[in-house]
Amino acid sequence: MNFPDINQYLINEPDIEQSTMMRTPCLRYKGEFLGMFFEKADAMIIKVSASRVDELVASGEGMEFNFTKKRFKEWVLIPRVQQNNYATFLQEALAHAKQKVDK
């Protein structure tokens, strides 16, 4: 799995843009971070609400993202074993971003 693979899930959505985060290709909605593939953890990162991150971690579907020992409370790692569900997770990140940006 790599950036072109996850990019395909949202390629036809309006206002999706390719960008970078931590020198890694990522997807954004009107500037708001959505997700990217994080090779170091062999997982996709998405940005959702802090409560949703807690749910995903508690259910075992996701893992906390604590890059440089700092916990990112709205970011969650979705392991490669969940790659069949990456499109759904990215749609969830998009819905979260739209809620924040399109008020």
N, C-alpha and C. Protein backbone atom coordinates (compact mmCIF):
# COMPACT_ATOMS: atom_id res chain seq x y z
N MET A 1 0.86 -1.18 0.00
CA MET A 1 0.00 0.00 0.00
C MET A 1 0.90 1.24 0.00
N ASN A 2 0.55 2.20 -0.81
CA ASN A 2 1.31 3.43 -0.86
C ASN A 2 0.36 4.59 -1.16
N PHE A 3 0.89 5.77 -1.31
CA PHE A 3 0.04 6.94 -1.50
C PHE A 3 -0.87 6.83 -2.72
N PRO A 4 -0.37 6.43 -3.89
CA PRO A 4 -1.29 6.31 -5.03
C PRO A 4 -2.45 5.35 -4.74
N ASP A 5 -2.20 4.33 -3.95
CA ASP A 5 -3.26 3.38 -3.61
C ASP A 5 -4.35 4.04 -2.77
N ILE A 6 -3.96 4.80 -1.74
CA ILE A 6 -5.00 5.44 -0.92
C ILE A 6 -5.60 6.65 -1.61
N ASN A 7 -4.83 7.28 -2.47
CA ASN A 7 -5.33 8.44 -3.23
C ASN A 7 -6.53 8.05 -4.10
N GLN A 8 -6.51 6.83 -4.63
CA GLN A 8 -7.59 6.39 -5.52
C GLN A 8 -8.95 6.40 -4.83
N TYR A 9 -9.00 6.25 -3.52
CA TYR A 9 -10.27 6.18 -2.81
C TYR A 9 -11.05 7.49 -2.84
N LEU A 10 -10.34 8.61 -2.92
CA LEU A 10 -11.01 9.92 -2.87
C LEU A 10 -10.75 10.77 -4.11
N ILE A 11 -10.16 10.19 -5.13
CA ILE A 11 -9.74 10.95 -6.31
C ILE A 11 -10.88 11.73 -6.97
N ASN A 12 -12.09 11.22 -6.93
CA ASN A 12 -13.20 11.88 -7.61
C ASN A 12 -14.01 12.80 -6.70
N GLU A 13 -13.63 12.92 -5.45
CA GLU A 13 -14.33 13.81 -4.53
C GLU A 13 -13.91 15.26 -4.79
N PRO A 14 -14.88 16.18 -4.78
CA PRO A 14 -14.51 17.59 -4.97
C PRO A 14 -13.71 18.14 -3.78
N ASP A 15 -12.83 19.07 -4.09
CA ASP A 15 -12.04 19.79 -3.09
C ASP A 15 -10.99 18.94 -2.38
N ILE A 16 -10.69 17.76 -2.91
CA ILE A 16 -9.61 16.94 -2.38
C ILE A 16 -8.33 17.37 -3.06
N GLU A 17 -7.30 17.55 -2.27
CA GLU A 17 -6.01 17.98 -2.84
C GLU A 17 -4.90 17.10 -2.30
N GLN A 18 -3.89 16.93 -3.12
CA GLN A 18 -2.69 16.22 -2.70
C GLN A 18 -1.74 17.23 -2.10
N SER A 19 -1.11 16.84 -1.02
CA SER A 19 -0.20 17.73 -0.31
C SER A 19 0.89 16.87 0.34
N THR A 20 1.56 17.43 1.32
CA THR A 20 2.53 16.66 2.10
C THR A 20 2.35 16.96 3.58
N MET A 21 2.75 16.00 4.38
CA MET A 21 2.79 16.13 5.83
C MET A 21 3.99 15.32 6.28
N MET A 22 4.86 15.92 7.05
CA MET A 22 6.08 15.24 7.51
C MET A 22 6.87 14.69 6.32
N ARG A 23 6.93 15.47 5.26
CA ARG A 23 7.62 15.11 4.01
C ARG A 23 7.06 13.86 3.35
N THR A 24 5.80 13.55 3.62
CA THR A 24 5.14 12.38 3.06
C THR A 24 3.88 12.83 2.33
N PRO A 25 3.58 12.27 1.16
CA PRO A 25 2.35 12.65 0.46
C PRO A 25 1.12 12.37 1.32
N CYS A 26 0.17 13.29 1.27
CA CYS A 26 -1.07 13.12 2.03
C CYS A 26 -2.24 13.70 1.24
N LEU A 27 -3.43 13.47 1.75
CA LEU A 27 -4.65 14.03 1.18
C LEU A 27 -5.22 15.06 2.13
N ARG A 28 -5.76 16.12 1.54
CA ARG A 28 -6.39 17.19 2.32
C ARG A 28 -7.73 17.55 1.68
N TYR A 29 -8.62 18.07 2.51
CA TYR A 29 -9.88 18.62 2.04
C TYR A 29 -9.87 20.10 2.40
N LYS A 30 -9.82 20.95 1.38
CA LYS A 30 -9.76 22.41 1.59
C LYS A 30 -8.71 22.77 2.64
N GLY A 31 -7.57 22.10 2.56
CA GLY A 31 -6.46 22.37 3.46
C GLY A 31 -6.43 21.53 4.72
N GLU A 32 -7.53 20.91 5.08
CA GLU A 32 -7.61 20.10 6.30
C GLU A 32 -7.07 18.70 6.03
N PHE A 33 -6.14 18.25 6.86
CA PHE A 33 -5.53 16.93 6.71
C PHE A 33 -6.57 15.82 6.82
N LEU A 34 -6.51 14.86 5.88
CA LEU A 34 -7.40 13.70 5.91
C LEU A 34 -6.64 12.42 6.27
N GLY A 35 -5.58 12.15 5.49
CA GLY A 35 -4.88 10.90 5.72
C GLY A 35 -3.67 10.74 4.82
N MET A 36 -2.89 9.72 5.18
CA MET A 36 -1.70 9.38 4.40
C MET A 36 -1.27 7.98 4.80
N PHE A 37 -0.40 7.39 4.00
CA PHE A 37 0.17 6.11 4.37
C PHE A 37 1.49 6.38 5.07
N PHE A 38 1.65 5.83 6.26
CA PHE A 38 2.84 6.03 7.08
C PHE A 38 3.67 4.76 7.05
N GLU A 39 4.66 4.74 6.15
CA GLU A 39 5.48 3.54 5.92
C GLU A 39 6.13 3.02 7.20
N LYS A 40 6.59 3.93 8.04
CA LYS A 40 7.31 3.54 9.26
C LYS A 40 6.46 2.60 10.14
N ALA A 41 5.15 2.81 10.14
CA ALA A 41 4.26 1.97 10.95
C ALA A 41 3.50 0.96 10.10
N ASP A 42 3.72 0.97 8.78
CA ASP A 42 2.99 0.10 7.85
C ASP A 42 1.49 0.23 8.08
N ALA A 43 1.04 1.50 8.13
CA ALA A 43 -0.36 1.79 8.43
C ALA A 43 -0.76 3.11 7.78
N MET A 44 -2.05 3.27 7.61
CA MET A 44 -2.59 4.54 7.13
C MET A 44 -2.95 5.37 8.36
N ILE A 45 -2.70 6.66 8.28
CA ILE A 45 -3.12 7.59 9.33
C ILE A 45 -4.33 8.35 8.81
N ILE A 46 -5.34 8.48 9.66
CA ILE A 46 -6.47 9.34 9.33
C ILE A 46 -6.70 10.30 10.49
N LYS A 47 -7.36 11.42 10.18
CA LYS A 47 -7.72 12.38 11.22
C LYS A 47 -9.23 12.35 11.41
N VAL A 48 -9.64 12.01 12.63
CA VAL A 48 -11.05 11.96 13.01
C VAL A 48 -11.15 12.57 14.42
N SER A 49 -12.34 12.61 14.97
CA SER A 49 -12.50 13.19 16.31
C SER A 49 -11.72 12.38 17.35
N ALA A 50 -11.36 13.04 18.42
CA ALA A 50 -10.63 12.37 19.51
C ALA A 50 -11.43 11.20 20.07
N SER A 51 -12.74 11.37 20.19
CA SER A 51 -13.56 10.28 20.71
C SER A 51 -13.56 9.09 19.75
N ARG A 52 -13.55 9.36 18.45
CA ARG A 52 -13.51 8.28 17.47
C ARG A 52 -12.16 7.57 17.51
N VAL A 53 -11.09 8.32 17.70
CA VAL A 53 -9.77 7.70 17.85
C VAL A 53 -9.81 6.73 19.02
N ASP A 54 -10.37 7.18 20.15
CA ASP A 54 -10.46 6.31 21.33
C ASP A 54 -11.25 5.04 21.02
N GLU A 55 -12.37 5.17 20.28
CA GLU A 55 -13.18 4.01 19.91
C GLU A 55 -12.38 3.03 19.04
N LEU A 56 -11.68 3.57 18.05
CA LEU A 56 -10.92 2.70 17.14
C LEU A 56 -9.80 1.99 17.87
N VAL A 57 -9.14 2.67 18.78
CA VAL A 57 -8.06 2.04 19.55
C VAL A 57 -8.64 0.98 20.48
N ALA A 58 -9.74 1.30 21.16
CA ALA A 58 -10.37 0.35 22.09
C ALA A 58 -10.86 -0.90 21.37
N SER A 59 -11.35 -0.75 20.14
CA SER A 59 -11.87 -1.90 19.39
C SER A 59 -10.76 -2.73 18.75
N GLY A 60 -9.55 -2.19 18.72
CA GLY A 60 -8.44 -2.89 18.08
C GLY A 60 -8.31 -2.61 16.60
N GLU A 61 -9.22 -1.80 16.05
CA GLU A 61 -9.15 -1.46 14.63
C GLU A 61 -8.03 -0.46 14.35
N GLY A 62 -7.68 0.34 15.34
CA GLY A 62 -6.65 1.36 15.17
C GLY A 62 -5.65 1.35 16.30
N MET A 63 -4.59 2.13 16.11
CA MET A 63 -3.54 2.27 17.13
C MET A 63 -3.26 3.75 17.31
N GLU A 64 -2.90 4.12 18.52
CA GLU A 64 -2.55 5.51 18.78
C GLU A 64 -1.37 5.93 17.91
N PHE A 65 -1.41 7.16 17.46
CA PHE A 65 -0.28 7.73 16.73
C PHE A 65 0.44 8.66 17.68
N ASN A 66 1.64 8.30 18.06
CA ASN A 66 2.41 9.12 18.98
C ASN A 66 3.82 9.35 18.44
N PHE A 67 3.84 10.02 17.31
CA PHE A 67 5.09 10.36 16.64
C PHE A 67 5.93 11.24 17.56
N THR A 68 7.19 10.94 17.70
CA THR A 68 8.12 11.64 18.60
C THR A 68 7.59 11.71 20.03
N LYS A 69 6.90 10.65 20.44
CA LYS A 69 6.38 10.50 21.81
C LYS A 69 5.31 11.51 22.18
N LYS A 70 4.77 12.21 21.20
CA LYS A 70 3.66 13.11 21.43
C LYS A 70 2.41 12.45 20.87
N ARG A 71 1.39 12.31 21.69
CA ARG A 71 0.14 11.68 21.24
C ARG A 71 -0.67 12.70 20.44
N PHE A 72 -1.05 12.30 19.23
CA PHE A 72 -1.91 13.12 18.38
C PHE A 72 -3.34 12.63 18.63
N LYS A 73 -4.11 13.38 19.39
CA LYS A 73 -5.41 12.87 19.85
C LYS A 73 -6.46 12.73 18.75
N GLU A 74 -6.27 13.40 17.60
CA GLU A 74 -7.23 13.25 16.51
C GLU A 74 -6.67 12.43 15.34
N TRP A 75 -5.53 11.82 15.53
CA TRP A 75 -4.93 10.99 14.49
C TRP A 75 -4.90 9.55 14.98
N VAL A 76 -5.20 8.64 14.07
CA VAL A 76 -5.16 7.23 14.43
C VAL A 76 -4.51 6.44 13.29
N LEU A 77 -3.72 5.46 13.66
CA LEU A 77 -3.10 4.56 12.69
C LEU A 77 -4.06 3.40 12.42
N ILE A 78 -4.30 3.16 11.16
CA ILE A 78 -5.12 2.02 10.75
C ILE A 78 -4.17 1.01 10.09
N PRO A 79 -3.90 -0.10 10.77
CA PRO A 79 -2.91 -1.06 10.26
C PRO A 79 -3.28 -1.64 8.90
N ARG A 80 -2.26 -2.09 8.20
CA ARG A 80 -2.44 -2.66 6.86
C ARG A 80 -3.43 -3.82 6.85
N VAL A 81 -3.57 -4.55 7.95
CA VAL A 81 -4.53 -5.65 7.97
C VAL A 81 -5.95 -5.15 7.75
N GLN A 82 -6.17 -3.85 7.92
CA GLN A 82 -7.49 -3.23 7.70
C GLN A 82 -7.59 -2.61 6.30
N GLN A 83 -6.63 -2.87 5.42
CA GLN A 83 -6.60 -2.17 4.13
C GLN A 83 -7.86 -2.36 3.30
N ASN A 84 -8.58 -3.43 3.49
CA ASN A 84 -9.84 -3.59 2.77
C ASN A 84 -10.88 -2.57 3.21
N ASN A 85 -10.67 -1.96 4.35
CA ASN A 85 -11.58 -0.94 4.88
C ASN A 85 -11.03 0.48 4.76
N TYR A 86 -9.88 0.65 4.12
CA TYR A 86 -9.28 1.99 4.03
C TYR A 86 -10.21 3.01 3.38
N ALA A 87 -10.94 2.62 2.36
CA ALA A 87 -11.84 3.57 1.71
C ALA A 87 -12.88 4.08 2.70
N THR A 88 -13.42 3.20 3.51
CA THR A 88 -14.42 3.60 4.51
C THR A 88 -13.80 4.54 5.54
N PHE A 89 -12.59 4.23 5.99
CA PHE A 89 -11.93 5.08 6.97
C PHE A 89 -11.62 6.47 6.38
N LEU A 90 -11.20 6.51 5.12
CA LEU A 90 -10.93 7.81 4.49
C LEU A 90 -12.22 8.61 4.30
N GLN A 91 -13.31 7.94 4.00
CA GLN A 91 -14.59 8.65 3.89
C GLN A 91 -14.98 9.23 5.25
N GLU A 92 -14.69 8.50 6.31
CA GLU A 92 -14.96 8.99 7.66
C GLU A 92 -14.10 10.22 7.97
N ALA A 93 -12.84 10.18 7.55
CA ALA A 93 -11.95 11.34 7.75
C ALA A 93 -12.46 12.53 6.94
N LEU A 94 -12.95 12.27 5.73
CA LEU A 94 -13.50 13.34 4.90
C LEU A 94 -14.73 13.96 5.56
N ALA A 95 -15.61 13.15 6.09
CA ALA A 95 -16.80 13.66 6.78
C ALA A 95 -16.40 14.51 7.98
N HIS A 96 -15.38 14.09 8.70
CA HIS A 96 -14.89 14.85 9.86
C HIS A 96 -14.33 16.20 9.40
N ALA A 97 -13.56 16.19 8.33
CA ALA A 97 -12.98 17.45 7.81
C ALA A 97 -14.07 18.38 7.31
N LYS A 98 -15.05 17.85 6.62
CA LYS A 98 -16.15 18.69 6.12
C LYS A 98 -16.91 19.33 7.27
N GLN A 99 -17.09 18.60 8.33
CA GLN A 99 -17.79 19.13 9.51
C GLN A 99 -17.01 20.31 10.10
N LYS A 100 -15.69 20.23 10.07
CA LYS A 100 -14.85 21.30 10.62
C LYS A 100 -14.75 22.50 9.67
N VAL A 101 -14.60 22.24 8.39
CA VAL A 101 -14.31 23.28 7.41
C VAL A 101 -15.57 23.95 6.87
N ASP A 102 -16.60 23.17 6.64
CA ASP A 102 -17.80 23.67 5.97
C ASP A 102 -18.90 24.10 6.96
N LYS A 103 -18.53 24.71 8.03
CA LYS A 103 -19.51 25.12 9.05
C LYS A 103 -20.45 26.16 8.51
